[in-house]
């Protein structure tokens, strides 16, 4: 469409509102040329309805035997793959990648070994190009409970106790949390491909932050 003609049309319509030298028939003819109609200020203008405010995701509260947590709706509960797990959830993979797996362990008061010993064991399940794995460890408080956190990346050597057959999986991540509750330590271990876990990191953080003693 010729931009000069459009410009002249706009100018002409504007002038028609303030000048008697440009007739209504000339304006109508110019509008018809471009298959346009004049705006009627008295007409009812249809508006797009306001979008509803999305509801927050469905949250399910789960009692793990002394600690309660709010499980996000995108976590799919499955039957634990071995008897040491009190709960297990899967995070759907994509792009041909396998699911992320959240395993929750609880052995009772005073059981399961020391906090740092377990973190060291988790770090020992990884390697990074024949170097020590890339890891980060920090501490936080959740509902008055001490929580030791760890994040590890590299090649994950899945042992049989972790539900694997000893295979090595490249470009994997582990998000871990050991919660020292009044009923003993609870162990939360999320493992999976980096691309899957990074997408779901926020939900894991929300879950850990929701934990509270029963």
N, C-alpha and C. Protein backbone atom coordinates (compact mmCIF):
# COMPACT_ATOMS: atom_id res chain seq x y z
N UNK A 1 0.86 -1.19 0.00
CA UNK A 1 0.00 0.00 0.00
C UNK A 1 0.89 1.24 0.00
N UNK A 2 0.51 2.22 -0.85
CA UNK A 2 1.30 3.44 -0.96
C UNK A 2 1.21 4.24 0.32
N UNK A 3 2.34 4.42 0.99
CA UNK A 3 2.36 5.11 2.28
C UNK A 3 1.97 6.58 2.13
N UNK A 4 2.29 7.17 0.99
CA UNK A 4 1.94 8.58 0.78
C UNK A 4 0.43 8.75 0.71
N UNK A 5 -0.25 7.79 0.04
CA UNK A 5 -1.70 7.86 -0.04
C UNK A 5 -2.33 7.71 1.33
N UNK A 6 -1.80 6.78 2.14
CA UNK A 6 -2.33 6.58 3.49
C UNK A 6 -2.16 7.85 4.30
N UNK A 7 -0.97 8.45 4.18
CA UNK A 7 -0.70 9.69 4.91
C UNK A 7 -1.70 10.77 4.51
N UNK A 8 -1.92 10.91 3.22
CA UNK A 8 -2.84 11.94 2.75
C UNK A 8 -4.25 11.65 3.19
N UNK A 9 -4.60 10.35 3.29
CA UNK A 9 -5.93 9.97 3.75
C UNK A 9 -6.12 10.39 5.20
N UNK A 10 -5.14 10.09 6.05
CA UNK A 10 -5.23 10.48 7.45
C UNK A 10 -5.35 11.98 7.61
N UNK A 11 -4.53 12.72 6.83
CA UNK A 11 -4.57 14.18 6.89
C UNK A 11 -5.94 14.69 6.44
N UNK A 12 -6.47 14.04 5.38
CA UNK A 12 -7.74 14.49 4.84
C UNK A 12 -8.86 14.28 5.82
N UNK A 13 -8.88 13.10 6.49
CA UNK A 13 -9.91 12.81 7.47
C UNK A 13 -9.83 13.80 8.61
N UNK A 14 -8.57 14.10 9.03
CA UNK A 14 -8.40 15.07 10.11
C UNK A 14 -8.91 16.44 9.72
N UNK A 15 -8.62 16.85 8.49
CA UNK A 15 -9.05 18.17 8.04
C UNK A 15 -10.56 18.27 7.93
N UNK A 16 -11.19 17.10 7.63
CA UNK A 16 -12.65 17.13 7.46
C UNK A 16 -13.36 17.48 8.74
N UNK A 17 -12.66 17.24 9.87
CA UNK A 17 -13.28 17.51 11.16
C UNK A 17 -13.18 18.99 11.53
N UNK A 18 -12.30 19.74 10.86
CA UNK A 18 -12.09 21.13 11.27
C UNK A 18 -12.19 22.11 10.11
N UNK A 19 -12.55 21.60 8.92
CA UNK A 19 -12.59 22.49 7.76
C UNK A 19 -13.84 22.21 6.94
N UNK A 20 -14.39 23.23 6.33
CA UNK A 20 -15.55 23.08 5.47
C UNK A 20 -15.13 22.91 4.01
N UNK A 21 -13.79 22.94 3.74
CA UNK A 21 -13.31 22.89 2.37
C UNK A 21 -13.15 21.46 1.86
N UNK A 22 -13.30 20.48 2.74
CA UNK A 22 -13.16 19.07 2.34
C UNK A 22 -14.49 18.41 2.63
N UNK A 23 -15.21 18.00 1.60
CA UNK A 23 -16.58 17.52 1.77
C UNK A 23 -16.63 16.11 2.31
N UNK A 24 -17.80 15.76 2.87
CA UNK A 24 -18.00 14.40 3.39
C UNK A 24 -17.90 13.36 2.28
N UNK A 25 -18.36 13.73 1.07
CA UNK A 25 -18.32 12.76 -0.02
C UNK A 25 -16.88 12.45 -0.42
N UNK A 26 -16.00 13.47 -0.37
CA UNK A 26 -14.59 13.24 -0.71
C UNK A 26 -13.92 12.33 0.33
N UNK A 27 -14.25 12.52 1.60
CA UNK A 27 -13.69 11.67 2.65
C UNK A 27 -14.16 10.24 2.48
N UNK A 28 -15.47 10.08 2.21
CA UNK A 28 -16.02 8.74 2.03
C UNK A 28 -15.37 8.04 0.85
N UNK A 29 -15.12 8.77 -0.22
CA UNK A 29 -14.49 8.17 -1.39
C UNK A 29 -13.08 7.72 -1.11
N UNK A 30 -12.35 8.53 -0.34
CA UNK A 30 -10.97 8.16 -0.01
C UNK A 30 -10.94 6.92 0.87
N UNK A 31 -11.87 6.83 1.81
CA UNK A 31 -11.93 5.66 2.69
C UNK A 31 -12.27 4.40 1.91
N UNK A 32 -13.19 4.50 0.97
CA UNK A 32 -13.58 3.34 0.17
C UNK A 32 -12.42 2.84 -0.67
N UNK A 33 -11.56 3.76 -1.12
CA UNK A 33 -10.42 3.36 -1.94
C UNK A 33 -9.54 2.36 -1.22
N UNK A 34 -9.44 2.53 0.12
CA UNK A 34 -8.59 1.63 0.91
C UNK A 34 -9.41 0.64 1.72
N UNK A 35 -10.69 0.47 1.33
CA UNK A 35 -11.56 -0.49 1.99
C UNK A 35 -11.63 -0.23 3.49
N UNK A 36 -11.81 1.03 3.88
CA UNK A 36 -11.87 1.44 5.27
C UNK A 36 -13.19 2.14 5.54
N UNK A 37 -13.58 2.17 6.81
CA UNK A 37 -14.79 2.88 7.20
C UNK A 37 -14.44 3.91 8.25
N UNK A 38 -15.25 4.99 8.30
CA UNK A 38 -15.00 6.05 9.27
C UNK A 38 -15.39 5.58 10.67
N UNK A 39 -14.68 6.07 11.66
CA UNK A 39 -14.96 5.73 13.05
C UNK A 39 -16.18 6.48 13.55
N UNK A 40 -17.12 5.74 14.14
CA UNK A 40 -18.33 6.35 14.69
C UNK A 40 -18.17 6.44 16.20
N UNK A 41 -17.99 7.63 16.76
CA UNK A 41 -17.76 7.78 18.19
C UNK A 41 -18.94 7.33 19.03
N UNK A 42 -20.13 7.20 18.43
CA UNK A 42 -21.30 6.77 19.18
C UNK A 42 -21.51 5.27 19.15
N UNK A 43 -20.69 4.60 18.37
CA UNK A 43 -20.84 3.14 18.27
C UNK A 43 -20.31 2.47 19.53
N UNK A 44 -20.86 1.27 19.84
CA UNK A 44 -20.40 0.47 20.97
C UNK A 44 -19.17 -0.31 20.54
N UNK A 45 -18.06 -0.11 21.23
CA UNK A 45 -16.81 -0.77 20.87
C UNK A 45 -16.66 -2.04 21.71
N UNK A 46 -16.47 -3.16 21.03
CA UNK A 46 -16.29 -4.44 21.73
C UNK A 46 -14.91 -4.47 22.37
N UNK A 47 -14.83 -4.91 23.61
CA UNK A 47 -13.55 -5.00 24.32
C UNK A 47 -13.23 -6.44 24.64
N UNK A 48 -11.94 -6.73 24.71
CA UNK A 48 -11.51 -8.07 25.08
C UNK A 48 -11.75 -8.29 26.56
N UNK A 49 -12.41 -9.38 26.94
CA UNK A 49 -12.68 -9.59 28.37
C UNK A 49 -11.38 -9.74 29.15
N UNK A 50 -11.41 -9.30 30.37
CA UNK A 50 -10.23 -9.39 31.22
C UNK A 50 -9.90 -10.85 31.49
N UNK A 51 -8.64 -11.20 31.34
CA UNK A 51 -8.22 -12.58 31.56
C UNK A 51 -8.31 -12.92 33.05
N UNK A 52 -8.78 -14.12 33.38
CA UNK A 52 -8.85 -14.49 34.79
C UNK A 52 -7.46 -14.64 35.39
N UNK A 53 -7.34 -14.34 36.66
CA UNK A 53 -6.06 -14.53 37.34
C UNK A 53 -5.83 -16.03 37.51
N UNK A 54 -4.71 -16.56 37.01
CA UNK A 54 -4.49 -18.01 37.12
C UNK A 54 -4.36 -18.44 38.57
N UNK A 55 -4.98 -19.57 38.86
CA UNK A 55 -4.87 -20.11 40.20
C UNK A 55 -3.49 -20.73 40.40
N UNK A 56 -3.03 -20.75 41.63
CA UNK A 56 -1.74 -21.37 41.91
C UNK A 56 -1.85 -22.87 41.71
N UNK A 57 -0.71 -23.52 41.47
CA UNK A 57 -0.70 -24.95 41.22
C UNK A 57 -1.25 -25.73 42.40
N UNK A 58 -1.84 -26.87 42.08
CA UNK A 58 -2.41 -27.71 43.12
C UNK A 58 -1.28 -28.26 43.99
N UNK A 59 -1.45 -28.10 45.29
CA UNK A 59 -0.44 -28.54 46.24
C UNK A 59 -1.01 -29.68 47.09
N UNK A 60 -0.25 -30.75 47.23
CA UNK A 60 -0.64 -31.88 48.07
C UNK A 60 0.29 -31.96 49.26
N UNK A 61 -0.27 -31.95 50.45
CA UNK A 61 0.54 -32.05 51.66
C UNK A 61 0.76 -33.52 52.00
N UNK A 62 2.01 -33.90 52.18
CA UNK A 62 2.37 -35.28 52.44
C UNK A 62 3.12 -35.38 53.76
N UNK A 63 2.68 -36.29 54.62
CA UNK A 63 3.37 -36.57 55.88
C UNK A 63 4.33 -37.73 55.63
N UNK A 64 5.61 -37.44 55.82
CA UNK A 64 6.64 -38.45 55.57
C UNK A 64 6.99 -39.27 56.81
N UNK A 65 6.22 -39.05 57.88
CA UNK A 65 6.50 -39.78 59.11
C UNK A 65 7.18 -38.92 60.15
N UNK A 66 6.78 -37.65 60.19
CA UNK A 66 7.38 -36.71 61.14
C UNK A 66 7.64 -35.37 60.53
N UNK A 67 7.75 -35.31 59.23
CA UNK A 67 7.94 -34.07 58.50
C UNK A 67 6.88 -33.98 57.41
N UNK A 68 6.26 -32.80 57.29
CA UNK A 68 5.22 -32.58 56.30
C UNK A 68 5.75 -31.63 55.24
N UNK A 69 5.46 -31.93 53.98
CA UNK A 69 5.89 -31.07 52.88
C UNK A 69 4.78 -30.89 51.87
N UNK A 70 4.83 -29.77 51.14
CA UNK A 70 3.83 -29.46 50.11
C UNK A 70 4.38 -29.86 48.76
N UNK A 71 3.82 -30.91 48.19
CA UNK A 71 4.33 -31.48 46.94
C UNK A 71 3.71 -30.75 45.74
N UNK A 72 4.53 -30.17 44.85
CA UNK A 72 4.00 -29.48 43.67
C UNK A 72 3.26 -30.44 42.75
N UNK A 73 2.30 -29.90 42.00
CA UNK A 73 1.47 -30.75 41.15
C UNK A 73 2.26 -31.39 40.01
N UNK A 74 3.39 -30.79 39.60
CA UNK A 74 4.15 -31.36 38.49
C UNK A 74 5.00 -32.56 38.91
N UNK A 75 5.03 -32.84 40.21
CA UNK A 75 5.74 -34.01 40.69
C UNK A 75 4.81 -35.21 40.63
N UNK A 76 5.26 -36.27 40.01
CA UNK A 76 4.45 -37.47 39.85
C UNK A 76 4.89 -38.53 40.86
N UNK A 77 4.01 -38.81 41.83
CA UNK A 77 4.33 -39.80 42.85
C UNK A 77 4.29 -41.19 42.24
N UNK A 78 5.30 -41.99 42.55
CA UNK A 78 5.37 -43.38 42.08
C UNK A 78 5.68 -44.28 43.27
N UNK A 79 5.47 -45.56 43.09
CA UNK A 79 5.82 -46.52 44.14
C UNK A 79 7.34 -46.54 44.29
N UNK A 80 7.87 -46.34 45.51
CA UNK A 80 9.33 -46.33 45.69
C UNK A 80 9.99 -47.57 45.11
N UNK A 81 11.12 -47.34 44.43
CA UNK A 81 11.79 -48.45 43.74
C UNK A 81 12.53 -49.39 44.67
N UNK A 82 12.76 -48.96 45.92
CA UNK A 82 13.31 -49.89 46.90
C UNK A 82 12.79 -49.55 48.29
N UNK A 83 12.95 -50.47 49.21
CA UNK A 83 12.32 -50.36 50.52
C UNK A 83 12.93 -49.26 51.39
N UNK A 84 14.10 -48.75 51.03
CA UNK A 84 14.72 -47.70 51.83
C UNK A 84 14.10 -46.33 51.59
N UNK A 85 13.30 -46.20 50.54
CA UNK A 85 12.71 -44.92 50.20
C UNK A 85 11.30 -44.83 50.79
N UNK A 86 11.04 -43.74 51.50
CA UNK A 86 9.70 -43.54 52.04
C UNK A 86 8.80 -42.83 51.03
N UNK A 87 9.39 -42.23 50.02
CA UNK A 87 8.61 -41.58 48.95
C UNK A 87 9.51 -41.43 47.73
N UNK A 88 8.87 -41.39 46.58
CA UNK A 88 9.60 -41.20 45.32
C UNK A 88 8.72 -40.45 44.34
N UNK A 89 9.33 -39.47 43.67
CA UNK A 89 8.60 -38.66 42.69
C UNK A 89 9.43 -38.57 41.41
N UNK A 90 8.74 -38.46 40.28
CA UNK A 90 9.41 -38.29 39.00
C UNK A 90 9.04 -36.94 38.41
N UNK A 91 10.04 -36.28 37.80
CA UNK A 91 9.86 -35.03 37.07
C UNK A 91 10.03 -35.36 35.59
N UNK A 92 9.00 -35.10 34.82
CA UNK A 92 8.96 -35.54 33.44
C UNK A 92 10.12 -34.99 32.62
N UNK A 93 10.82 -35.89 31.94
CA UNK A 93 11.90 -35.49 31.04
C UNK A 93 11.34 -34.96 29.73
N UNK A 94 12.20 -34.45 28.89
CA UNK A 94 11.78 -33.92 27.59
C UNK A 94 12.96 -33.96 26.65
N UNK A 95 12.67 -33.86 25.35
CA UNK A 95 13.73 -33.88 24.36
C UNK A 95 14.53 -35.18 24.36
N UNK A 96 13.87 -36.27 24.71
CA UNK A 96 14.55 -37.57 24.74
C UNK A 96 15.31 -37.84 26.02
N UNK A 97 15.30 -36.89 26.96
CA UNK A 97 16.00 -37.06 28.22
C UNK A 97 15.12 -37.83 29.22
N UNK A 98 15.74 -38.66 30.07
CA UNK A 98 14.96 -39.39 31.07
C UNK A 98 14.43 -38.46 32.17
N UNK A 99 13.54 -39.00 32.98
CA UNK A 99 12.96 -38.22 34.07
C UNK A 99 13.99 -37.89 35.14
N UNK A 100 13.73 -36.79 35.84
CA UNK A 100 14.43 -36.54 37.08
C UNK A 100 13.76 -37.36 38.18
N UNK A 101 14.52 -37.82 39.16
CA UNK A 101 13.97 -38.68 40.21
C UNK A 101 14.27 -38.08 41.58
N UNK A 102 13.22 -37.91 42.37
CA UNK A 102 13.36 -37.43 43.74
C UNK A 102 13.15 -38.61 44.67
N UNK A 103 14.18 -38.96 45.40
CA UNK A 103 14.10 -40.05 46.36
C UNK A 103 14.17 -39.47 47.77
N UNK A 104 13.26 -39.92 48.63
CA UNK A 104 13.21 -39.46 50.02
C UNK A 104 13.49 -40.64 50.93
N UNK A 105 14.49 -40.47 51.82
CA UNK A 105 14.90 -41.55 52.72
C UNK A 105 14.68 -41.12 54.17
N UNK A 106 14.23 -42.08 54.97
CA UNK A 106 14.11 -41.85 56.41
C UNK A 106 14.29 -43.19 57.11
N UNK A 107 15.21 -43.21 58.08
CA UNK A 107 15.56 -44.47 58.73
C UNK A 107 15.20 -44.49 60.21
N UNK A 108 14.68 -43.39 60.72
CA UNK A 108 14.31 -43.33 62.12
C UNK A 108 15.26 -42.45 62.92
N UNK A 109 14.90 -42.12 64.16
CA UNK A 109 15.75 -41.26 65.00
C UNK A 109 17.15 -41.85 65.19
N UNK A 110 18.15 -41.00 64.94
CA UNK A 110 19.53 -41.43 65.14
C UNK A 110 20.05 -42.40 64.10
N UNK A 111 19.30 -42.66 63.05
CA UNK A 111 19.70 -43.64 62.03
C UNK A 111 20.03 -42.94 60.71
N UNK A 112 20.71 -43.66 59.86
CA UNK A 112 21.02 -43.15 58.52
C UNK A 112 22.39 -42.55 58.36
N UNK A 113 23.15 -42.44 59.44
CA UNK A 113 24.51 -41.91 59.33
C UNK A 113 24.55 -40.40 59.48
N UNK A 114 25.75 -39.87 59.65
CA UNK A 114 25.94 -38.44 59.85
C UNK A 114 25.65 -37.63 58.59
N UNK A 115 25.31 -36.39 58.81
CA UNK A 115 24.96 -35.50 57.69
C UNK A 115 26.11 -35.35 56.71
N UNK A 116 27.31 -35.00 57.20
CA UNK A 116 28.42 -34.75 56.29
C UNK A 116 28.88 -36.04 55.62
N UNK A 117 28.79 -37.15 56.32
CA UNK A 117 29.19 -38.42 55.72
C UNK A 117 28.30 -38.75 54.52
N UNK A 118 27.01 -38.46 54.63
CA UNK A 118 26.11 -38.73 53.51
C UNK A 118 26.37 -37.80 52.34
N UNK A 119 26.65 -36.52 52.64
CA UNK A 119 26.96 -35.58 51.56
C UNK A 119 28.24 -36.00 50.85
N UNK A 120 29.25 -36.40 51.62
CA UNK A 120 30.49 -36.87 51.00
C UNK A 120 30.24 -38.10 50.12
N UNK A 121 29.33 -38.96 50.55
CA UNK A 121 29.00 -40.15 49.75
C UNK A 121 28.33 -39.73 48.45
N UNK A 122 27.43 -38.75 48.53
CA UNK A 122 26.77 -38.28 47.30
C UNK A 122 27.79 -37.66 46.35
N UNK A 123 28.71 -36.88 46.88
CA UNK A 123 29.74 -36.27 46.03
C UNK A 123 30.60 -37.37 45.39
N UNK A 124 30.85 -38.43 46.14
CA UNK A 124 31.66 -39.53 45.63
C UNK A 124 31.01 -40.31 44.51
N UNK A 125 29.71 -40.11 44.30
CA UNK A 125 29.01 -40.79 43.21
C UNK A 125 29.17 -40.07 41.87
N UNK A 126 29.87 -38.92 41.91
CA UNK A 126 30.08 -38.13 40.70
C UNK A 126 31.55 -38.02 40.36
N UNK A 127 31.80 -37.81 39.08
CA UNK A 127 33.14 -37.45 38.62
C UNK A 127 32.97 -36.44 37.51
N UNK A 128 34.01 -35.65 37.25
CA UNK A 128 33.95 -34.62 36.23
C UNK A 128 35.25 -34.62 35.44
N UNK A 129 35.25 -35.37 34.32
CA UNK A 129 36.40 -35.46 33.44
C UNK A 129 37.67 -35.79 34.23
N UNK A 130 37.56 -36.85 34.99
CA UNK A 130 38.70 -37.35 35.79
C UNK A 130 39.17 -36.37 36.86
N UNK A 131 38.35 -35.35 37.13
CA UNK A 131 38.65 -34.41 38.20
C UNK A 131 37.56 -34.53 39.25
N UNK A 132 37.77 -33.96 40.42
CA UNK A 132 36.70 -33.96 41.41
C UNK A 132 35.45 -33.31 40.82
N UNK A 133 34.26 -33.79 41.17
CA UNK A 133 33.03 -33.21 40.60
C UNK A 133 32.85 -31.77 41.06
N UNK A 134 32.09 -31.04 40.28
CA UNK A 134 31.77 -29.66 40.63
C UNK A 134 30.65 -29.69 41.67
N UNK A 135 30.90 -29.16 42.83
CA UNK A 135 29.90 -29.23 43.89
C UNK A 135 29.85 -27.93 44.67
N UNK A 136 28.71 -27.71 45.30
CA UNK A 136 28.51 -26.55 46.15
C UNK A 136 27.72 -27.01 47.37
N UNK A 137 28.15 -26.60 48.55
CA UNK A 137 27.46 -27.00 49.77
C UNK A 137 27.15 -25.76 50.61
N UNK A 138 25.94 -25.73 51.18
CA UNK A 138 25.57 -24.61 52.03
C UNK A 138 24.55 -25.08 53.07
N UNK A 139 24.25 -24.19 53.99
CA UNK A 139 23.36 -24.51 55.11
C UNK A 139 22.21 -23.51 55.17
N UNK A 140 21.04 -23.98 55.60
CA UNK A 140 19.91 -23.08 55.76
C UNK A 140 19.01 -23.59 56.88
N UNK A 141 18.10 -22.72 57.32
CA UNK A 141 17.12 -23.09 58.34
C UNK A 141 15.74 -23.09 57.71
N UNK A 142 14.98 -24.15 57.98
CA UNK A 142 13.62 -24.27 57.47
C UNK A 142 12.72 -24.69 58.62
N UNK A 143 11.77 -23.84 58.99
CA UNK A 143 10.83 -24.13 60.08
C UNK A 143 11.56 -24.56 61.35
N UNK A 144 12.67 -23.88 61.64
CA UNK A 144 13.43 -24.17 62.84
C UNK A 144 14.35 -25.37 62.74
N UNK A 145 14.37 -26.03 61.60
CA UNK A 145 15.21 -27.22 61.42
C UNK A 145 16.47 -26.87 60.63
N UNK A 146 17.57 -27.49 60.98
CA UNK A 146 18.81 -27.32 60.22
C UNK A 146 18.72 -28.16 58.95
N UNK A 147 19.07 -27.54 57.82
CA UNK A 147 19.04 -28.24 56.53
C UNK A 147 20.39 -28.04 55.85
N UNK A 148 21.05 -29.14 55.58
CA UNK A 148 22.33 -29.09 54.86
C UNK A 148 22.06 -29.35 53.39
N UNK A 149 22.54 -28.44 52.53
CA UNK A 149 22.24 -28.51 51.10
C UNK A 149 23.50 -28.79 50.30
N UNK A 150 23.30 -29.43 49.15
CA UNK A 150 24.42 -29.71 48.26
C UNK A 150 23.91 -29.73 46.82
N UNK A 151 24.75 -29.28 45.90
CA UNK A 151 24.47 -29.33 44.47
C UNK A 151 25.72 -29.86 43.78
N UNK A 152 25.56 -30.92 42.99
CA UNK A 152 26.71 -31.59 42.38
C UNK A 152 26.41 -31.81 40.89
N UNK A 153 27.42 -31.60 40.04
CA UNK A 153 27.25 -31.85 38.61
C UNK A 153 28.45 -32.61 38.08
N UNK A 154 28.22 -33.33 36.99
CA UNK A 154 29.27 -34.12 36.38
C UNK A 154 28.72 -35.42 35.84
N UNK A 155 29.55 -36.45 35.85
CA UNK A 155 29.13 -37.79 35.43
C UNK A 155 28.69 -38.56 36.65
N UNK A 156 27.45 -39.00 36.63
CA UNK A 156 26.84 -39.67 37.78
C UNK A 156 27.03 -41.17 37.65
N UNK A 157 27.68 -41.75 38.63
CA UNK A 157 27.89 -43.20 38.66
C UNK A 157 26.78 -43.81 39.53
N UNK A 158 25.78 -44.34 38.88
CA UNK A 158 24.59 -44.81 39.59
C UNK A 158 24.86 -46.18 40.19
N UNK A 159 24.91 -46.23 41.51
CA UNK A 159 25.11 -47.50 42.19
C UNK A 159 23.81 -48.24 42.37
N UNK A 160 23.90 -49.49 42.75
CA UNK A 160 22.70 -50.31 42.93
C UNK A 160 21.84 -49.79 44.08
N UNK A 161 22.47 -49.18 45.10
CA UNK A 161 21.70 -48.64 46.21
C UNK A 161 20.91 -47.42 45.79
N UNK A 162 21.30 -46.82 44.69
CA UNK A 162 20.59 -45.65 44.18
C UNK A 162 19.56 -46.03 43.12
N UNK A 163 19.34 -47.32 42.95
CA UNK A 163 18.35 -47.78 42.00
C UNK A 163 18.89 -48.02 40.61
N UNK A 164 20.21 -47.96 40.43
CA UNK A 164 20.80 -48.17 39.12
C UNK A 164 21.52 -49.50 39.04
N UNK A 165 22.25 -49.68 37.94
CA UNK A 165 22.99 -50.93 37.73
C UNK A 165 24.48 -50.66 37.57
N UNK A 166 24.93 -49.52 38.04
CA UNK A 166 26.34 -49.20 37.98
C UNK A 166 26.75 -48.40 36.76
N UNK A 167 25.78 -47.98 35.92
CA UNK A 167 26.13 -47.24 34.72
C UNK A 167 26.57 -45.82 35.06
N UNK A 168 27.28 -45.19 34.12
CA UNK A 168 27.73 -43.80 34.29
C UNK A 168 26.92 -42.91 33.36
N UNK A 169 26.34 -41.84 33.90
CA UNK A 169 25.48 -40.96 33.14
C UNK A 169 26.10 -39.57 33.09
N UNK A 170 26.41 -39.10 31.88
CA UNK A 170 27.07 -37.81 31.72
C UNK A 170 26.07 -36.65 31.82
N UNK A 171 26.62 -35.47 32.17
CA UNK A 171 25.82 -34.24 32.25
C UNK A 171 24.62 -34.39 33.18
N UNK A 172 24.91 -34.89 34.36
CA UNK A 172 23.86 -35.08 35.37
C UNK A 172 24.04 -34.09 36.50
N UNK A 173 22.93 -33.88 37.23
CA UNK A 173 22.94 -33.02 38.39
C UNK A 173 22.37 -33.76 39.59
N UNK A 174 22.76 -33.31 40.75
CA UNK A 174 22.15 -33.77 41.99
C UNK A 174 21.85 -32.57 42.85
N UNK A 175 20.59 -32.44 43.26
CA UNK A 175 20.20 -31.46 44.27
C UNK A 175 19.87 -32.25 45.52
N UNK A 176 20.58 -31.97 46.60
CA UNK A 176 20.37 -32.72 47.82
C UNK A 176 20.06 -31.84 49.01
N UNK A 177 19.28 -32.40 49.94
CA UNK A 177 18.96 -31.70 51.18
C UNK A 177 18.82 -32.74 52.29
N UNK A 178 19.51 -32.50 53.38
CA UNK A 178 19.39 -33.37 54.56
C UNK A 178 18.78 -32.52 55.66
N UNK A 179 17.58 -32.90 56.06
CA UNK A 179 16.80 -32.14 57.04
C UNK A 179 16.91 -32.81 58.40
N UNK A 180 17.46 -32.08 59.36
CA UNK A 180 17.63 -32.61 60.70
C UNK A 180 16.40 -32.23 61.53
N UNK A 181 15.41 -33.13 61.52
CA UNK A 181 14.14 -32.86 62.19
C UNK A 181 14.16 -33.40 63.62
N UNK A 182 13.17 -33.05 64.43
CA UNK A 182 13.09 -33.61 65.80
C UNK A 182 12.92 -35.13 65.81
N UNK A 183 12.53 -35.71 64.67
CA UNK A 183 12.30 -37.15 64.58
C UNK A 183 13.46 -37.88 63.91
N UNK A 184 14.54 -37.17 63.64
CA UNK A 184 15.67 -37.76 62.95
C UNK A 184 15.87 -37.11 61.59
N UNK A 185 16.89 -37.52 60.89
CA UNK A 185 17.22 -36.90 59.60
C UNK A 185 16.40 -37.47 58.45
N UNK A 186 15.95 -36.57 57.58
CA UNK A 186 15.28 -36.94 56.34
C UNK A 186 16.21 -36.55 55.19
N UNK A 187 16.35 -37.44 54.22
CA UNK A 187 17.29 -37.25 53.12
C UNK A 187 16.50 -37.08 51.81
N UNK A 188 16.72 -35.96 51.15
CA UNK A 188 16.04 -35.65 49.89
C UNK A 188 17.10 -35.56 48.79
N UNK A 189 16.96 -36.42 47.81
CA UNK A 189 17.98 -36.52 46.76
C UNK A 189 17.30 -36.49 45.39
N UNK A 190 17.54 -35.41 44.65
CA UNK A 190 17.00 -35.25 43.30
C UNK A 190 18.13 -35.41 42.30
N UNK A 191 18.00 -36.37 41.41
CA UNK A 191 19.03 -36.61 40.38
C UNK A 191 18.37 -36.68 39.01
N UNK A 192 19.14 -36.29 37.99
CA UNK A 192 18.63 -36.36 36.62
C UNK A 192 19.50 -35.55 35.68
N UNK A 193 19.16 -35.56 34.39
CA UNK A 193 19.92 -34.77 33.41
C UNK A 193 19.89 -33.29 33.77
N UNK A 194 20.98 -32.59 33.51
CA UNK A 194 21.07 -31.17 33.85
C UNK A 194 19.90 -30.38 33.27
N UNK A 195 19.56 -30.61 32.02
CA UNK A 195 18.53 -29.82 31.35
C UNK A 195 17.17 -30.00 32.03
N UNK A 196 16.92 -31.20 32.56
CA UNK A 196 15.64 -31.48 33.22
C UNK A 196 15.62 -30.88 34.62
N UNK A 197 16.73 -31.04 35.36
CA UNK A 197 16.75 -30.55 36.74
C UNK A 197 16.77 -29.03 36.81
N UNK A 198 17.48 -28.39 35.89
CA UNK A 198 17.52 -26.93 35.92
C UNK A 198 16.13 -26.35 35.69
N UNK A 199 15.34 -27.00 34.86
CA UNK A 199 13.99 -26.54 34.60
C UNK A 199 13.12 -26.69 35.85
N UNK A 200 13.42 -27.68 36.69
CA UNK A 200 12.58 -27.97 37.85
C UNK A 200 13.21 -27.55 39.18
N UNK A 201 14.30 -26.80 39.11
CA UNK A 201 14.99 -26.42 40.35
C UNK A 201 14.09 -25.62 41.27
N UNK A 202 13.33 -24.68 40.70
CA UNK A 202 12.49 -23.81 41.53
C UNK A 202 11.47 -24.63 42.33
N UNK A 203 10.91 -25.67 41.72
CA UNK A 203 9.92 -26.48 42.44
C UNK A 203 10.57 -27.25 43.57
N UNK A 204 11.81 -27.69 43.39
CA UNK A 204 12.52 -28.40 44.47
C UNK A 204 12.79 -27.43 45.62
N UNK A 205 13.17 -26.21 45.29
CA UNK A 205 13.43 -25.21 46.33
C UNK A 205 12.15 -24.90 47.12
N UNK A 206 11.03 -24.80 46.40
CA UNK A 206 9.76 -24.54 47.07
C UNK A 206 9.40 -25.69 48.00
N UNK A 207 9.64 -26.89 47.54
CA UNK A 207 9.31 -28.05 48.35
C UNK A 207 10.13 -28.09 49.64
N UNK A 208 11.43 -27.91 49.51
CA UNK A 208 12.30 -27.93 50.70
C UNK A 208 11.90 -26.81 51.66
N UNK A 209 11.58 -25.65 51.13
CA UNK A 209 11.19 -24.52 51.96
C UNK A 209 9.85 -24.76 52.67
N UNK A 210 9.03 -25.68 52.15
CA UNK A 210 7.72 -25.94 52.74
C UNK A 210 7.77 -26.95 53.89
N UNK A 211 8.90 -27.62 54.07
CA UNK A 211 8.98 -28.68 55.07
C UNK A 211 8.82 -28.13 56.48
N UNK A 212 8.12 -28.87 57.30
CA UNK A 212 7.94 -28.48 58.70
C UNK A 212 7.72 -29.73 59.55
N UNK A 213 8.08 -29.68 60.81
CA UNK A 213 7.85 -30.84 61.69
C UNK A 213 6.35 -31.07 61.88
N UNK A 214 6.00 -32.29 62.09
CA UNK A 214 4.59 -32.64 62.30
C UNK A 214 4.12 -32.12 63.66
